């Protein structure tokens, strides 16, 4: 499971579809509707938010908006609620840079255009977070499992 901290616009088609599926799974975990993945480290920041379901639904909605912008047909009915959080959860600069490098390794293999656009031609200091997150200084997050 990878719940990206970087903005969904950086993801290729395969990455965006996977993010949608994995965030829906995370929602089920937070709702207590599945027994797997309960202790997955990617869920920590949502569990630590005062209203985890509001946070994951907001996260999903921003993924939905990116998909809609690209002309994809994600089912918005899978998202609960109408309240939308923005800049609610902190994420470190180090985490964003780690995720950008992780994504670039994937894009180098499966999406050369995306690799050139986001990995070679963009300033790594300008990486935008997912709209649910706001950037703070710091290294890679403690919950991240570095390979």
C-alpha atoms as a PDB file:
ATOM      1  CA  UNK A   1       0.000   0.000   0.000  1.00  0.00           C
ATOM      2  CA  UNK A   2       1.325   3.436  -0.943  1.00  0.00           C
ATOM      3  CA  UNK A   3      -0.682   6.488   0.069  1.00  0.00           C
ATOM      4  CA  UNK A   4       1.393   9.121  -1.663  1.00  0.00           C
ATOM      5  CA  UNK A   5       2.174  12.407   0.067  1.00  0.00           C
ATOM      6  CA  UNK A   6       3.039  14.019  -3.258  1.00  0.00           C
ATOM      7  CA  UNK A   7       0.316  15.566  -5.390  1.00  0.00           C
ATOM      8  CA  UNK A   8      -1.605  13.004  -7.490  1.00  0.00           C
ATOM      9  CA  UNK A   9      -0.765  14.982 -10.656  1.00  0.00           C
ATOM     10  CA  UNK A  10       2.738  13.487 -10.563  1.00  0.00           C
ATOM     11  CA  UNK A  11       1.439   9.921 -10.871  1.00  0.00           C
ATOM     12  CA  UNK A  12       1.146   8.112 -14.155  1.00  0.00           C
ATOM     13  CA  UNK A  13      -2.079   6.302 -15.048  1.00  0.00           C
ATOM     14  CA  UNK A  14      -1.021   3.065 -13.376  1.00  0.00           C
ATOM     15  CA  UNK A  15       0.023   4.933 -10.239  1.00  0.00           C
ATOM     16  CA  UNK A  16      -3.187   6.964 -10.016  1.00  0.00           C
ATOM     17  CA  UNK A  17      -5.415   3.903 -10.433  1.00  0.00           C
ATOM     18  CA  UNK A  18      -3.381   2.003  -7.834  1.00  0.00           C
ATOM     19  CA  UNK A  19      -3.611   4.952  -5.450  1.00  0.00           C
ATOM     20  CA  UNK A  20      -7.404   5.021  -5.795  1.00  0.00           C
ATOM     21  CA  UNK A  21      -7.686   1.297  -5.028  1.00  0.00           C
ATOM     22  CA  UNK A  22      -5.232   1.432  -2.141  1.00  0.00           C
ATOM     23  CA  UNK A  23      -6.825   4.515  -0.575  1.00  0.00           C
ATOM     24  CA  UNK A  24     -10.230   2.804  -0.779  1.00  0.00           C
ATOM     25  CA  UNK A  25      -8.682  -0.173   1.018  1.00  0.00           C
ATOM     26  CA  UNK A  26      -7.262   2.225   3.629  1.00  0.00           C
ATOM     27  CA  UNK A  27     -10.760   3.644   4.081  1.00  0.00           C
ATOM     28  CA  UNK A  28     -12.114   0.151   4.751  1.00  0.00           C
ATOM     29  CA  UNK A  29      -9.365  -0.446   7.296  1.00  0.00           C
ATOM     30  CA  UNK A  30     -10.153   2.825   9.084  1.00  0.00           C
ATOM     31  CA  UNK A  31     -13.858   1.922   9.068  1.00  0.00           C
ATOM     32  CA  UNK A  32     -13.037  -1.437  10.660  1.00  0.00           C
ATOM     33  CA  UNK A  33     -14.442  -3.302   7.650  1.00  0.00           C
ATOM     34  CA  UNK A  34     -11.415  -5.479   6.951  1.00  0.00           C
ATOM     35  CA  UNK A  35      -9.012  -7.448   9.112  1.00  0.00           C
ATOM     36  CA  UNK A  36      -5.939  -6.985   6.935  1.00  0.00           C
ATOM     37  CA  UNK A  37      -3.601  -3.998   6.864  1.00  0.00           C
ATOM     38  CA  UNK A  38      -4.752  -2.715  10.286  1.00  0.00           C
ATOM     39  CA  UNK A  39      -1.189  -1.930  11.318  1.00  0.00           C
ATOM     40  CA  UNK A  40       0.116  -0.765   7.955  1.00  0.00           C
ATOM     41  CA  UNK A  41       2.549   2.130   8.494  1.00  0.00           C
ATOM     42  CA  UNK A  42       1.036   4.217   5.676  1.00  0.00           C
ATOM     43  CA  UNK A  43      -2.125   4.554   7.788  1.00  0.00           C
ATOM     44  CA  UNK A  44      -0.415   6.154  10.796  1.00  0.00           C
ATOM     45  CA  UNK A  45      -0.940   9.766   9.781  1.00  0.00           C
ATOM     46  CA  UNK A  46      -4.631   9.145   9.139  1.00  0.00           C
ATOM     47  CA  UNK A  47      -5.093   7.258  12.408  1.00  0.00           C
ATOM     48  CA  UNK A  48      -3.390  10.114  14.264  1.00  0.00           C
ATOM     49  CA  UNK A  49      -5.702  12.742  12.797  1.00  0.00           C
ATOM     50  CA  UNK A  50      -8.651  13.711  15.036  1.00  0.00           C
ATOM     51  CA  UNK A  51     -11.150  12.338  12.486  1.00  0.00           C
ATOM     52  CA  UNK A  52      -9.438   9.589  10.445  1.00  0.00           C
ATOM     53  CA  UNK A  53     -12.453   8.917   8.209  1.00  0.00           C
ATOM     54  CA  UNK A  54     -12.828  12.583   7.319  1.00  0.00           C
ATOM     55  CA  UNK A  55      -9.123  12.662   6.484  1.00  0.00           C
ATOM     56  CA  UNK A  56      -9.166   9.567   4.242  1.00  0.00           C
ATOM     57  CA  UNK A  57     -12.359  10.689   2.490  1.00  0.00           C
ATOM     58  CA  UNK A  58     -10.768  14.079   1.785  1.00  0.00           C
ATOM     59  CA  UNK A  59      -7.623  12.335   0.564  1.00  0.00           C
ATOM     60  CA  UNK A  60      -9.716  10.191  -1.781  1.00  0.00           C
ATOM     61  CA  UNK A  61     -11.678  13.172  -3.048  1.00  0.00           C
ATOM     62  CA  UNK A  62      -8.504  14.917  -4.200  1.00  0.00           C
ATOM     63  CA  UNK A  63      -7.464  11.720  -6.000  1.00  0.00           C
ATOM     64  CA  UNK A  64     -10.918  11.638  -7.585  1.00  0.00           C
ATOM     65  CA  UNK A  65     -10.507  15.263  -8.756  1.00  0.00           C
ATOM     66  CA  UNK A  66      -7.206  14.423 -10.462  1.00  0.00           C
ATOM     67  CA  UNK A  67      -8.800  11.413 -12.147  1.00  0.00           C
ATOM     68  CA  UNK A  68     -11.750  13.515 -13.294  1.00  0.00           C
ATOM     69  CA  UNK A  69      -9.372  16.167 -14.662  1.00  0.00           C
ATOM     70  CA  UNK A  70      -7.691  13.430 -16.743  1.00  0.00           C
ATOM     71  CA  UNK A  71     -11.035  12.151 -18.006  1.00  0.00           C
ATOM     72  CA  UNK A  72     -11.087   8.962 -15.935  1.00  0.00           C
ATOM     73  CA  UNK A  73     -14.298   7.605 -14.480  1.00  0.00           C
ATOM     74  CA  UNK A  74     -13.643   6.955 -10.772  1.00  0.00           C
ATOM     75  CA  UNK A  75     -16.805   6.400  -8.714  1.00  0.00           C
ATOM     76  CA  UNK A  76     -17.153   9.369  -6.356  1.00  0.00           C
ATOM     77  CA  UNK A  77     -19.984   7.546  -4.543  1.00  0.00           C
ATOM     78  CA  UNK A  78     -17.295   5.452  -2.832  1.00  0.00           C
ATOM     79  CA  UNK A  79     -16.332   8.549  -0.858  1.00  0.00           C
ATOM     80  CA  UNK A  80     -18.405   9.498   2.190  1.00  0.00           C
ATOM     81  CA  UNK A  81     -19.290  12.985   3.326  1.00  0.00           C
ATOM     82  CA  UNK A  82     -19.263  16.404   1.831  1.00  0.00           C
ATOM     83  CA  UNK A  83     -16.739  18.127   4.099  1.00  0.00           C
ATOM     84  CA  UNK A  84     -13.354  18.538   2.461  1.00  0.00           C
ATOM     85  CA  UNK A  85     -10.166  19.074   4.421  1.00  0.00           C
ATOM     86  CA  UNK A  86      -7.239  20.945   2.964  1.00  0.00           C
ATOM     87  CA  UNK A  87      -3.730  21.220   4.405  1.00  0.00           C
ATOM     88  CA  UNK A  88      -4.753  19.270   7.496  1.00  0.00           C
ATOM     89  CA  UNK A  89      -1.868  16.852   8.054  1.00  0.00           C
ATOM     90  CA  UNK A  90       1.847  17.676   8.199  1.00  0.00           C
ATOM     91  CA  UNK A  91       4.367  15.913   5.979  1.00  0.00           C
ATOM     92  CA  UNK A  92       8.111  16.445   6.021  1.00  0.00           C
ATOM     93  CA  UNK A  93      10.205  17.748   3.158  1.00  0.00           C
ATOM     94  CA  UNK A  94      12.299  14.608   3.469  1.00  0.00           C
ATOM     95  CA  UNK A  95       9.237  12.427   2.945  1.00  0.00           C
ATOM     96  CA  UNK A  96       8.263  14.305  -0.211  1.00  0.00           C
ATOM     97  CA  UNK A  97      11.764  13.987  -1.625  1.00  0.00           C
ATOM     98  CA  UNK A  98      11.870  10.282  -0.737  1.00  0.00           C
ATOM     99  CA  UNK A  99       8.546   9.704  -2.482  1.00  0.00           C
ATOM    100  CA  UNK A 100       9.606  11.702  -5.528  1.00  0.00           C
ATOM    101  CA  UNK A 101      12.694   9.507  -5.876  1.00  0.00           C
ATOM    102  CA  UNK A 102      10.556   6.382  -5.357  1.00  0.00           C
ATOM    103  CA  UNK A 103       8.145   7.552  -8.060  1.00  0.00           C
ATOM    104  CA  UNK A 104      10.966   8.504 -10.429  1.00  0.00           C
ATOM    105  CA  UNK A 105      12.360   4.976 -10.165  1.00  0.00           C
ATOM    106  CA  UNK A 106       8.947   3.659 -11.227  1.00  0.00           C
ATOM    107  CA  UNK A 107       8.439   6.214 -13.991  1.00  0.00           C
ATOM    108  CA  UNK A 108      11.861   5.528 -15.476  1.00  0.00           C
ATOM    109  CA  UNK A 109      10.604   2.021 -16.291  1.00  0.00           C
ATOM    110  CA  UNK A 110       6.922   2.496 -17.105  1.00  0.00           C
ATOM    111  CA  UNK A 111       6.385   6.128 -18.199  1.00  0.00           C
ATOM    112  CA  UNK A 112       9.336   7.815 -19.906  1.00  0.00           C
ATOM    113  CA  UNK A 113       7.351  11.012 -20.610  1.00  0.00           C
ATOM    114  CA  UNK A 114       6.389  11.346 -16.952  1.00  0.00           C
ATOM    115  CA  UNK A 115       9.956  10.634 -15.948  1.00  0.00           C
ATOM    116  CA  UNK A 116      11.298  13.449 -18.134  1.00  0.00           C
ATOM    117  CA  UNK A 117       8.524  15.840 -17.130  1.00  0.00           C
ATOM    118  CA  UNK A 118       8.613  15.381 -13.355  1.00  0.00           C
ATOM    119  CA  UNK A 119      11.980  13.837 -12.577  1.00  0.00           C
ATOM    120  CA  UNK A 120      14.440  15.495 -14.907  1.00  0.00           C
ATOM    121  CA  UNK A 121      12.813  18.812 -15.762  1.00  0.00           C
ATOM    122  CA  UNK A 122      11.377  19.845 -12.404  1.00  0.00           C
ATOM    123  CA  UNK A 123      13.045  21.363  -9.403  1.00  0.00           C
ATOM    124  CA  UNK A 124      12.962  18.875  -6.547  1.00  0.00           C
ATOM    125  CA  UNK A 125      12.521  21.762  -4.140  1.00  0.00           C
ATOM    126  CA  UNK A 126       9.221  22.613  -5.836  1.00  0.00           C
ATOM    127  CA  UNK A 127       7.484  19.254  -5.350  1.00  0.00           C
ATOM    128  CA  UNK A 128       3.869  19.860  -4.421  1.00  0.00           C
ATOM    129  CA  UNK A 129       2.231  17.788  -1.681  1.00  0.00           C
ATOM    130  CA  UNK A 130      -1.160  16.127  -1.918  1.00  0.00           C
ATOM    131  CA  UNK A 131      -3.667  18.896  -1.002  1.00  0.00           C
ATOM    132  CA  UNK A 132      -4.474  17.175   2.319  1.00  0.00           C
ATOM    133  CA  UNK A 133      -0.908  17.750   3.531  1.00  0.00           C
ATOM    134  CA  UNK A 134       1.187  20.755   4.432  1.00  0.00           C
ATOM    135  CA  UNK A 135       4.980  20.688   4.354  1.00  0.00           C
ATOM    136  CA  UNK A 136       7.184  20.978   7.424  1.00  0.00           C
ATOM    137  CA  UNK A 137      10.932  20.621   7.689  1.00  0.00           C
ATOM    138  CA  UNK A 138      12.326  17.228   8.546  1.00  0.00           C
ATOM    139  CA  UNK A 139      13.687  13.958   7.276  1.00  0.00           C
ATOM    140  CA  UNK A 140      11.777  10.964   5.956  1.00  0.00           C
ATOM    141  CA  UNK A 141       8.783  10.208   8.204  1.00  0.00           C
ATOM    142  CA  UNK A 142       9.312   7.637  10.973  1.00  0.00           C
ATOM    143  CA  UNK A 143       6.473   5.465   9.653  1.00  0.00           C
ATOM    144  CA  UNK A 144       8.075   5.112   6.197  1.00  0.00           C
ATOM    145  CA  UNK A 145       9.634   1.720   5.440  1.00  0.00           C
ATOM    146  CA  UNK A 146      12.772   2.589   3.495  1.00  0.00           C
ATOM    147  CA  UNK A 147      13.966  -0.019   1.043  1.00  0.00           C
END
